[in-house]
Amino acid sequence: MAYDFQVTVDSANPHTLADWWADALGWDVEPSNEEFIRRMVAEGHARDEDTMTHRGVLVWRVGQAIRHPESRRRVLFQLVPEPKTVKNRVHLDVAVGENREAEVERLTGMGAKVVYRGQQGPYSWVTMTDPEGNELCLQ
């Protein structure tokens, strides 16, 4: 039996980081269901402190997901109390092809940082970090 999965990224500010990654990848931020959130609070299943307003929209405080516009691929950004302190053991490799240098420039303009440029045989990549320090590679 094969299983589906999503990638989950720990974050200090999941909504802002989800916005960044959605823009970086050309994906969509999942829309919030404000009516559902209000109903959960009204019925006592959640508290007002479990919510916040992001860009004028009521959202759950603890997380925000993004989706590929044509597939079911999903990345969830979830709130964690501790800051990132060590190198990620898992990261995303983003295939940008011949647009690599333009994407490096675009992402650094959005707050990413170049960490390393690597090459092995005919393959090369640029390792970067997002605004919260999570690694990604542009291939």
C-alpha atoms as a PDB file:
ATOM      1  CA  MET A   1       0.000   0.000   0.000  1.00  0.00           C
ATOM      2  CA  ALA A   2       1.358   3.434  -0.929  1.00  0.00           C
ATOM      3  CA  TYR A   3       0.783   6.401   1.365  1.00  0.00           C
ATOM      4  CA  ASP A   4       0.384  10.069   0.583  1.00  0.00           C
ATOM      5  CA  PHE A   5       2.155  12.669   2.726  1.00  0.00           C
ATOM      6  CA  GLN A   6       2.658  16.361   3.182  1.00  0.00           C
ATOM      7  CA  VAL A   7       5.823  18.189   4.143  1.00  0.00           C
ATOM      8  CA  THR A   8       5.557  20.149   7.391  1.00  0.00           C
ATOM      9  CA  VAL A   9       7.941  22.994   8.221  1.00  0.00           C
ATOM     10  CA  ASP A  10       8.357  24.267  11.785  1.00  0.00           C
ATOM     11  CA  SER A  11       8.085  28.026  11.860  1.00  0.00           C
ATOM     12  CA  ALA A  12       8.157  31.079  14.117  1.00  0.00           C
ATOM     13  CA  ASN A  13       5.610  32.839  11.878  1.00  0.00           C
ATOM     14  CA  PRO A  14       3.758  30.272   9.749  1.00  0.00           C
ATOM     15  CA  HIS A  15       1.526  32.688   7.849  1.00  0.00           C
ATOM     16  CA  THR A  16       4.334  34.989   6.738  1.00  0.00           C
ATOM     17  CA  LEU A  17       6.561  32.037   5.855  1.00  0.00           C
ATOM     18  CA  ALA A  18       3.722  30.354   3.907  1.00  0.00           C
ATOM     19  CA  ASP A  19       3.258  33.598   1.944  1.00  0.00           C
ATOM     20  CA  TRP A  20       7.009  33.642   1.196  1.00  0.00           C
ATOM     21  CA  TRP A  21       7.119  30.026   0.020  1.00  0.00           C
ATOM     22  CA  ALA A  22       3.919  30.373  -2.034  1.00  0.00           C
ATOM     23  CA  ASP A  23       5.497  33.309  -3.842  1.00  0.00           C
ATOM     24  CA  ALA A  24       8.848  31.517  -4.166  1.00  0.00           C
ATOM     25  CA  LEU A  25       7.301  28.361  -5.673  1.00  0.00           C
ATOM     26  CA  GLY A  26       4.356  29.881  -7.543  1.00  0.00           C
ATOM     27  CA  TRP A  27       1.956  27.901  -5.334  1.00  0.00           C
ATOM     28  CA  ASP A  28      -1.301  29.018  -3.683  1.00  0.00           C
ATOM     29  CA  VAL A  29      -1.863  29.804  -0.025  1.00  0.00           C
ATOM     30  CA  GLU A  30      -4.815  27.731   1.118  1.00  0.00           C
ATOM     31  CA  PRO A  31      -7.786  29.992   1.773  1.00  0.00           C
ATOM     32  CA  SER A  32      -9.089  30.347   5.304  1.00  0.00           C
ATOM     33  CA  ASN A  33     -12.636  29.296   6.165  1.00  0.00           C
ATOM     34  CA  GLU A  34     -13.509  32.205   8.449  1.00  0.00           C
ATOM     35  CA  GLU A  35     -17.090  30.999   8.966  1.00  0.00           C
ATOM     36  CA  PHE A  36     -15.852  27.603  10.197  1.00  0.00           C
ATOM     37  CA  ILE A  37     -13.294  29.219  12.532  1.00  0.00           C
ATOM     38  CA  ARG A  38     -15.941  31.532  14.037  1.00  0.00           C
ATOM     39  CA  ARG A  39     -18.306  28.579  14.501  1.00  0.00           C
ATOM     40  CA  MET A  40     -15.611  26.510  16.253  1.00  0.00           C
ATOM     41  CA  VAL A  41     -14.959  29.399  18.663  1.00  0.00           C
ATOM     42  CA  ALA A  42     -18.691  30.012  19.229  1.00  0.00           C
ATOM     43  CA  GLU A  43     -19.287  26.310  19.956  1.00  0.00           C
ATOM     44  CA  GLY A  44     -16.372  26.165  22.413  1.00  0.00           C
ATOM     45  CA  HIS A  45     -14.155  23.883  20.295  1.00  0.00           C
ATOM     46  CA  ALA A  46     -11.537  26.634  20.001  1.00  0.00           C
ATOM     47  CA  ARG A  47     -10.663  29.884  21.745  1.00  0.00           C
ATOM     48  CA  ASP A  48     -10.246  33.376  20.361  1.00  0.00           C
ATOM     49  CA  GLU A  49      -6.529  33.068  21.243  1.00  0.00           C
ATOM     50  CA  ASP A  50      -6.306  30.163  18.783  1.00  0.00           C
ATOM     51  CA  THR A  51      -7.016  32.603  15.963  1.00  0.00           C
ATOM     52  CA  MET A  52      -5.463  35.728  14.522  1.00  0.00           C
ATOM     53  CA  THR A  53      -5.946  38.068  11.607  1.00  0.00           C
ATOM     54  CA  HIS A  54      -3.452  37.812   8.755  1.00  0.00           C
ATOM     55  CA  ARG A  55      -3.765  40.213   5.837  1.00  0.00           C
ATOM     56  CA  GLY A  56      -7.286  41.079   6.957  1.00  0.00           C
ATOM     57  CA  VAL A  57      -8.449  37.446   7.139  1.00  0.00           C
ATOM     58  CA  LEU A  58      -9.292  35.393  10.249  1.00  0.00           C
ATOM     59  CA  VAL A  59      -6.957  32.364  10.364  1.00  0.00           C
ATOM     60  CA  TRP A  60      -5.866  29.645  12.764  1.00  0.00           C
ATOM     61  CA  ARG A  61      -2.812  30.923  14.655  1.00  0.00           C
ATOM     62  CA  VAL A  62      -0.848  27.649  14.602  1.00  0.00           C
ATOM     63  CA  GLY A  63      -0.472  26.977  10.909  1.00  0.00           C
ATOM     64  CA  GLN A  64      -0.880  27.781   7.259  1.00  0.00           C
ATOM     65  CA  ALA A  65      -0.565  25.525   4.227  1.00  0.00           C
ATOM     66  CA  ILE A  66       0.283  26.120   0.603  1.00  0.00           C
ATOM     67  CA  ARG A  67      -0.708  23.939  -2.369  1.00  0.00           C
ATOM     68  CA  HIS A  68       0.634  23.315  -5.831  1.00  0.00           C
ATOM     69  CA  PRO A  69      -1.936  24.907  -8.185  1.00  0.00           C
ATOM     70  CA  GLU A  70      -2.419  21.755 -10.282  1.00  0.00           C
ATOM     71  CA  SER A  71      -1.734  18.831  -7.971  1.00  0.00           C
ATOM     72  CA  ARG A  72      -2.488  17.776  -4.428  1.00  0.00           C
ATOM     73  CA  ARG A  73       1.049  18.531  -3.223  1.00  0.00           C
ATOM     74  CA  ARG A  74       0.912  20.473   0.030  1.00  0.00           C
ATOM     75  CA  VAL A  75       3.365  22.050   2.462  1.00  0.00           C
ATOM     76  CA  LEU A  76       2.195  22.988   5.955  1.00  0.00           C
ATOM     77  CA  PHE A  77       3.943  25.650   8.028  1.00  0.00           C
ATOM     78  CA  GLN A  78       3.283  25.143  11.727  1.00  0.00           C
ATOM     79  CA  LEU A  79       4.005  27.330  14.725  1.00  0.00           C
ATOM     80  CA  VAL A  80       6.640  26.067  17.152  1.00  0.00           C
ATOM     81  CA  PRO A  81       7.888  27.829  20.283  1.00  0.00           C
ATOM     82  CA  GLU A  82      11.608  27.236  19.815  1.00  0.00           C
ATOM     83  CA  PRO A  83      13.846  28.937  17.225  1.00  0.00           C
ATOM     84  CA  LYS A  84      15.731  26.990  14.568  1.00  0.00           C
ATOM     85  CA  THR A  85      19.180  26.188  15.953  1.00  0.00           C
ATOM     86  CA  VAL A  86      20.761  23.545  13.696  1.00  0.00           C
ATOM     87  CA  LYS A  87      20.940  22.578  10.043  1.00  0.00           C
ATOM     88  CA  ASN A  88      17.813  20.974   8.592  1.00  0.00           C
ATOM     89  CA  ARG A  89      18.022  17.214   8.099  1.00  0.00           C
ATOM     90  CA  VAL A  90      15.439  17.469   5.286  1.00  0.00           C
ATOM     91  CA  HIS A  91      15.081  20.267   2.753  1.00  0.00           C
ATOM     92  CA  LEU A  92      13.327  20.974  -0.535  1.00  0.00           C
ATOM     93  CA  ASP A  93      15.178  20.742  -3.850  1.00  0.00           C
ATOM     94  CA  VAL A  94      13.490  23.105  -6.276  1.00  0.00           C
ATOM     95  CA  ALA A  95      14.044  22.363  -9.972  1.00  0.00           C
ATOM     96  CA  VAL A  96      14.406  25.732 -11.710  1.00  0.00           C
ATOM     97  CA  GLY A  97      16.560  24.615 -14.641  1.00  0.00           C
ATOM     98  CA  GLU A  98      18.285  27.304 -16.637  1.00  0.00           C
ATOM     99  CA  ASN A  99      16.547  30.017 -14.586  1.00  0.00           C
ATOM    100  CA  ARG A 100      18.726  29.290 -11.562  1.00  0.00           C
ATOM    101  CA  GLU A 101      20.640  32.576 -11.372  1.00  0.00           C
ATOM    102  CA  ALA A 102      17.502  34.640 -11.980  1.00  0.00           C
ATOM    103  CA  GLU A 103      15.753  32.678  -9.214  1.00  0.00           C
ATOM    104  CA  VAL A 104      18.718  33.136  -6.858  1.00  0.00           C
ATOM    105  CA  GLU A 105      18.474  36.877  -7.451  1.00  0.00           C
ATOM    106  CA  ARG A 106      14.678  36.913  -7.052  1.00  0.00           C
ATOM    107  CA  LEU A 107      14.717  34.893  -3.827  1.00  0.00           C
ATOM    108  CA  THR A 108      17.543  36.901  -2.275  1.00  0.00           C
ATOM    109  CA  GLY A 109      15.492  39.987  -3.057  1.00  0.00           C
ATOM    110  CA  MET A 110      12.687  38.343  -1.046  1.00  0.00           C
ATOM    111  CA  GLY A 111      14.906  37.712   1.981  1.00  0.00           C
ATOM    112  CA  ALA A 112      16.620  34.400   1.171  1.00  0.00           C
ATOM    113  CA  LYS A 113      20.370  33.968   1.611  1.00  0.00           C
ATOM    114  CA  VAL A 114      22.884  32.018  -0.480  1.00  0.00           C
ATOM    115  CA  VAL A 115      24.746  29.504   1.704  1.00  0.00           C
ATOM    116  CA  TYR A 116      26.678  27.350  -0.755  1.00  0.00           C
ATOM    117  CA  ARG A 117      27.216  26.655  -4.442  1.00  0.00           C
ATOM    118  CA  GLY A 118      27.845  22.995  -5.142  1.00  0.00           C
ATOM    119  CA  GLN A 119      28.714  20.778  -8.061  1.00  0.00           C
ATOM    120  CA  GLN A 120      29.112  17.055  -8.495  1.00  0.00           C
ATOM    121  CA  GLY A 121      30.013  15.950 -12.009  1.00  0.00           C
ATOM    122  CA  PRO A 122      27.562  17.581 -14.412  1.00  0.00           C
ATOM    123  CA  TYR A 123      25.103  18.496 -11.627  1.00  0.00           C
ATOM    124  CA  SER A 124      25.188  21.815  -9.817  1.00  0.00           C
ATOM    125  CA  TRP A 125      22.984  23.538  -7.268  1.00  0.00           C
ATOM    126  CA  VAL A 126      22.721  26.571  -5.023  1.00  0.00           C
ATOM    127  CA  THR A 127      21.903  25.998  -1.356  1.00  0.00           C
ATOM    128  CA  MET A 128      19.930  28.869   0.157  1.00  0.00           C
ATOM    129  CA  THR A 129      17.958  29.622   3.306  1.00  0.00           C
ATOM    130  CA  ASP A 130      14.477  31.118   3.530  1.00  0.00           C
ATOM    131  CA  PRO A 131      13.841  34.134   5.820  1.00  0.00           C
ATOM    132  CA  GLU A 132      13.623  31.825   8.888  1.00  0.00           C
ATOM    133  CA  GLY A 133      16.808  29.922   8.032  1.00  0.00           C
ATOM    134  CA  ASN A 134      15.286  26.761   6.507  1.00  0.00           C
ATOM    135  CA  GLU A 135      17.465  25.322   3.751  1.00  0.00           C
ATOM    136  CA  LEU A 136      16.460  24.776   0.144  1.00  0.00           C
ATOM    137  CA  CYS A 137      18.451  23.958  -2.974  1.00  0.00           C
ATOM    138  CA  LEU A 138      17.887  25.371  -6.427  1.00  0.00           C
ATOM    139  CA  GLN A 139      18.772  22.828  -9.086  1.00  0.00           C
END
